C-alpha cells in the first residue's frame, strides 16, 4: 500500500491530468488511507477527490463517492 501511495503522490505532483482523473486518483489514495486506518489522511484525500470530481464533466463518480460516504455513516 505504501508503494502505491508513493506512485500516486508522484503522479499528482508532476502529471497533467483532467479533473476526472485527479479525482479518481485521489479517491484511490483515500481508500488506501482508510484501509491503513489513517482517518485524517482519508478525509483529506477524499476532500481532494471530491474537489476535482465536482469540477469534472463526469458526475457519476462524484455521486458514487457521496453514496459511499452516506452508506459508510449509516
N, C-alpha and C. Protein backbone atom coordinates (compact mmCIF):
# COMPACT_ATOMS: atom_id res chain seq x y z
N UNK A 1 0.82 -1.20 0.00
CA UNK A 1 0.00 0.00 0.00
C UNK A 1 0.87 1.26 0.00
N UNK A 2 1.95 1.23 0.76
CA UNK A 2 2.82 2.40 0.82
C UNK A 2 3.46 2.69 -0.53
N UNK A 3 3.81 1.64 -1.25
CA UNK A 3 4.41 1.82 -2.57
C UNK A 3 3.40 2.44 -3.54
N UNK A 4 2.16 2.01 -3.46
CA UNK A 4 1.13 2.58 -4.32
C UNK A 4 0.88 4.05 -3.99
N UNK A 5 0.92 4.39 -2.72
CA UNK A 5 0.77 5.79 -2.32
C UNK A 5 1.91 6.65 -2.84
N UNK A 6 3.12 6.10 -2.87
CA UNK A 6 4.25 6.84 -3.43
C UNK A 6 4.03 7.12 -4.91
N UNK A 7 3.54 6.13 -5.64
CA UNK A 7 3.25 6.34 -7.06
C UNK A 7 2.17 7.40 -7.26
N UNK A 8 1.15 7.34 -6.43
CA UNK A 8 0.06 8.30 -6.54
C UNK A 8 0.58 9.71 -6.29
N UNK A 9 1.40 9.88 -5.26
CA UNK A 9 1.94 11.21 -4.97
C UNK A 9 2.84 11.72 -6.08
N UNK A 10 3.61 10.83 -6.72
CA UNK A 10 4.43 11.24 -7.86
C UNK A 10 3.56 11.68 -9.02
N UNK A 11 2.49 10.93 -9.28
CA UNK A 11 1.59 11.27 -10.39
C UNK A 11 0.94 12.63 -10.18
N UNK A 12 0.44 12.86 -8.98
CA UNK A 12 -0.28 14.11 -8.73
C UNK A 12 0.66 15.31 -8.67
N UNK A 13 1.91 15.09 -8.29
CA UNK A 13 2.86 16.20 -8.22
C UNK A 13 3.34 16.64 -9.60
N UNK A 14 3.55 15.69 -10.50
CA UNK A 14 4.18 16.05 -11.76
C UNK A 14 3.37 15.79 -13.01
N UNK A 15 2.18 15.27 -12.86
CA UNK A 15 1.40 14.90 -14.04
C UNK A 15 0.43 15.97 -14.48
N UNK A 16 0.01 15.81 -15.71
CA UNK A 16 -1.03 16.68 -16.25
C UNK A 16 -2.26 15.83 -16.49
N UNK A 17 -3.22 15.98 -15.61
CA UNK A 17 -4.41 15.14 -15.64
C UNK A 17 -5.66 16.01 -15.75
N UNK A 18 -6.72 15.38 -16.20
CA UNK A 18 -8.02 16.06 -16.19
C UNK A 18 -8.54 16.05 -14.76
N UNK A 19 -9.54 16.85 -14.50
CA UNK A 19 -10.14 16.87 -13.16
C UNK A 19 -10.70 15.50 -12.79
N UNK A 20 -11.29 14.83 -13.76
CA UNK A 20 -11.85 13.50 -13.51
C UNK A 20 -10.75 12.52 -13.10
N UNK A 21 -9.63 12.55 -13.82
CA UNK A 21 -8.52 11.65 -13.50
C UNK A 21 -7.95 11.93 -12.11
N UNK A 22 -7.74 13.20 -11.81
CA UNK A 22 -7.21 13.55 -10.48
C UNK A 22 -8.17 13.14 -9.38
N UNK A 23 -9.45 13.33 -9.61
CA UNK A 23 -10.44 12.93 -8.62
C UNK A 23 -10.41 11.44 -8.35
N UNK A 24 -10.28 10.64 -9.40
CA UNK A 24 -10.23 9.19 -9.23
C UNK A 24 -8.92 8.75 -8.57
N UNK A 25 -7.83 9.43 -8.90
CA UNK A 25 -6.55 9.10 -8.27
C UNK A 25 -6.59 9.41 -6.78
N UNK A 26 -7.11 10.59 -6.44
CA UNK A 26 -7.21 10.95 -5.02
C UNK A 26 -8.21 10.05 -4.28
N UNK A 27 -9.25 9.63 -4.96
CA UNK A 27 -10.19 8.71 -4.33
C UNK A 27 -9.50 7.39 -3.99
N UNK A 28 -8.68 6.90 -4.91
CA UNK A 28 -7.92 5.68 -4.66
C UNK A 28 -6.99 5.84 -3.46
N UNK A 29 -6.31 6.98 -3.40
CA UNK A 29 -5.42 7.23 -2.26
C UNK A 29 -6.21 7.28 -0.95
N UNK A 30 -7.38 7.88 -0.97
CA UNK A 30 -8.18 7.96 0.25
C UNK A 30 -8.60 6.57 0.72
N UNK A 31 -8.93 5.69 -0.22
CA UNK A 31 -9.31 4.33 0.16
C UNK A 31 -8.13 3.57 0.76
N UNK A 32 -6.94 3.82 0.26
CA UNK A 32 -5.75 3.19 0.83
C UNK A 32 -5.54 3.68 2.26
N UNK A 33 -5.69 4.99 2.47
CA UNK A 33 -5.52 5.52 3.82
C UNK A 33 -6.59 4.98 4.77
N UNK A 34 -7.80 4.79 4.27
CA UNK A 34 -8.85 4.22 5.12
C UNK A 34 -8.47 2.79 5.50
N UNK A 35 -7.96 2.04 4.54
CA UNK A 35 -7.54 0.66 4.81
C UNK A 35 -6.42 0.61 5.84
N UNK A 36 -5.52 1.60 5.80
CA UNK A 36 -4.41 1.65 6.74
C UNK A 36 -4.84 2.16 8.12
N UNK A 37 -6.04 2.72 8.22
CA UNK A 37 -6.52 3.24 9.49
C UNK A 37 -6.10 4.66 9.77
N UNK A 38 -5.65 5.38 8.75
CA UNK A 38 -5.25 6.78 8.91
C UNK A 38 -6.43 7.67 8.53
N UNK A 39 -7.28 7.91 9.50
CA UNK A 39 -8.55 8.59 9.26
C UNK A 39 -8.37 10.01 8.76
N UNK A 40 -7.47 10.75 9.34
CA UNK A 40 -7.26 12.14 8.94
C UNK A 40 -6.82 12.23 7.47
N UNK A 41 -5.89 11.39 7.08
CA UNK A 41 -5.45 11.38 5.68
C UNK A 41 -6.56 10.91 4.76
N UNK A 42 -7.36 9.97 5.22
CA UNK A 42 -8.50 9.50 4.43
C UNK A 42 -9.42 10.67 4.08
N UNK A 43 -9.80 11.45 5.07
CA UNK A 43 -10.71 12.56 4.81
C UNK A 43 -10.05 13.66 3.97
N UNK A 44 -8.78 13.88 4.18
CA UNK A 44 -8.08 14.90 3.40
C UNK A 44 -8.07 14.52 1.92
N UNK A 45 -7.67 13.30 1.62
CA UNK A 45 -7.62 12.87 0.23
C UNK A 45 -9.01 12.71 -0.37
N UNK A 46 -9.98 12.35 0.43
CA UNK A 46 -11.35 12.29 -0.06
C UNK A 46 -11.85 13.68 -0.41
N UNK A 47 -11.45 14.67 0.37
CA UNK A 47 -11.79 16.05 0.05
C UNK A 47 -11.17 16.49 -1.26
N UNK A 48 -9.91 16.12 -1.48
CA UNK A 48 -9.26 16.42 -2.77
C UNK A 48 -10.02 15.76 -3.91
N UNK A 49 -10.40 14.49 -3.70
CA UNK A 49 -11.12 13.75 -4.74
C UNK A 49 -12.43 14.44 -5.09
N UNK A 50 -13.17 14.83 -4.08
CA UNK A 50 -14.46 15.48 -4.34
C UNK A 50 -14.26 16.85 -5.00
N UNK A 51 -13.23 17.56 -4.62
CA UNK A 51 -12.94 18.85 -5.23
C UNK A 51 -12.77 18.70 -6.74
N UNK A 52 -11.95 17.75 -7.15
CA UNK A 52 -11.70 17.58 -8.58
C UNK A 52 -12.86 16.91 -9.30
N UNK A 53 -13.52 15.97 -8.65
CA UNK A 53 -14.65 15.30 -9.30
C UNK A 53 -15.81 16.25 -9.53
N UNK A 54 -16.04 17.17 -8.61
CA UNK A 54 -17.13 18.12 -8.79
C UNK A 54 -16.85 19.09 -9.93
N UNK A 55 -15.60 19.29 -10.27
CA UNK A 55 -15.24 20.18 -11.37
C UNK A 55 -15.09 19.46 -12.71
N UNK A 56 -15.28 18.14 -12.70
CA UNK A 56 -15.16 17.37 -13.93
C UNK A 56 -16.51 17.35 -14.66
N UNK A 57 -16.46 16.92 -15.90
CA UNK A 57 -17.70 16.83 -16.68
C UNK A 57 -18.47 15.56 -16.37
N UNK A 58 -17.79 14.55 -15.83
CA UNK A 58 -18.42 13.27 -15.50
C UNK A 58 -18.88 13.31 -14.04
N UNK A 59 -20.18 13.33 -13.82
CA UNK A 59 -20.71 13.46 -12.46
C UNK A 59 -21.01 12.13 -11.79
N UNK A 60 -20.97 11.02 -12.53
CA UNK A 60 -21.29 9.72 -11.94
C UNK A 60 -20.31 9.36 -10.83
N UNK A 61 -19.04 9.65 -11.00
CA UNK A 61 -18.05 9.32 -9.98
C UNK A 61 -18.28 10.15 -8.72
N UNK A 62 -18.65 11.40 -8.90
CA UNK A 62 -18.91 12.26 -7.75
C UNK A 62 -20.09 11.72 -6.94
N UNK A 63 -21.13 11.34 -7.64
CA UNK A 63 -22.31 10.80 -6.97
C UNK A 63 -21.97 9.50 -6.24
N UNK A 64 -21.15 8.66 -6.86
CA UNK A 64 -20.76 7.40 -6.22
C UNK A 64 -19.98 7.63 -4.94
N UNK A 65 -19.11 8.63 -4.93
CA UNK A 65 -18.34 8.93 -3.71
C UNK A 65 -19.28 9.39 -2.60
N UNK A 66 -20.23 10.27 -2.93
CA UNK A 66 -21.19 10.72 -1.93
C UNK A 66 -22.05 9.56 -1.42
N UNK A 67 -22.45 8.65 -2.31
CA UNK A 67 -23.23 7.49 -1.89
C UNK A 67 -22.42 6.58 -0.98
N UNK A 68 -21.14 6.40 -1.31
CA UNK A 68 -20.27 5.59 -0.44
C UNK A 68 -20.16 6.21 0.95
N UNK A 69 -20.01 7.53 0.99
CA UNK A 69 -19.94 8.22 2.29
C UNK A 69 -21.23 8.04 3.08
N UNK A 70 -22.36 8.18 2.39
CA UNK A 70 -23.65 8.03 3.06
C UNK A 70 -23.80 6.61 3.60
N UNK A 71 -23.45 5.61 2.81
CA UNK A 71 -23.56 4.21 3.25
C UNK A 71 -22.61 3.93 4.41
N UNK A 72 -21.44 4.53 4.39
CA UNK A 72 -20.46 4.32 5.43
C UNK A 72 -20.95 4.84 6.77
N UNK A 73 -21.64 5.97 6.76
CA UNK A 73 -22.07 6.58 8.02
C UNK A 73 -23.45 6.17 8.46
N UNK A 74 -24.16 5.44 7.63
CA UNK A 74 -25.48 4.94 8.04
C UNK A 74 -25.32 3.64 8.71
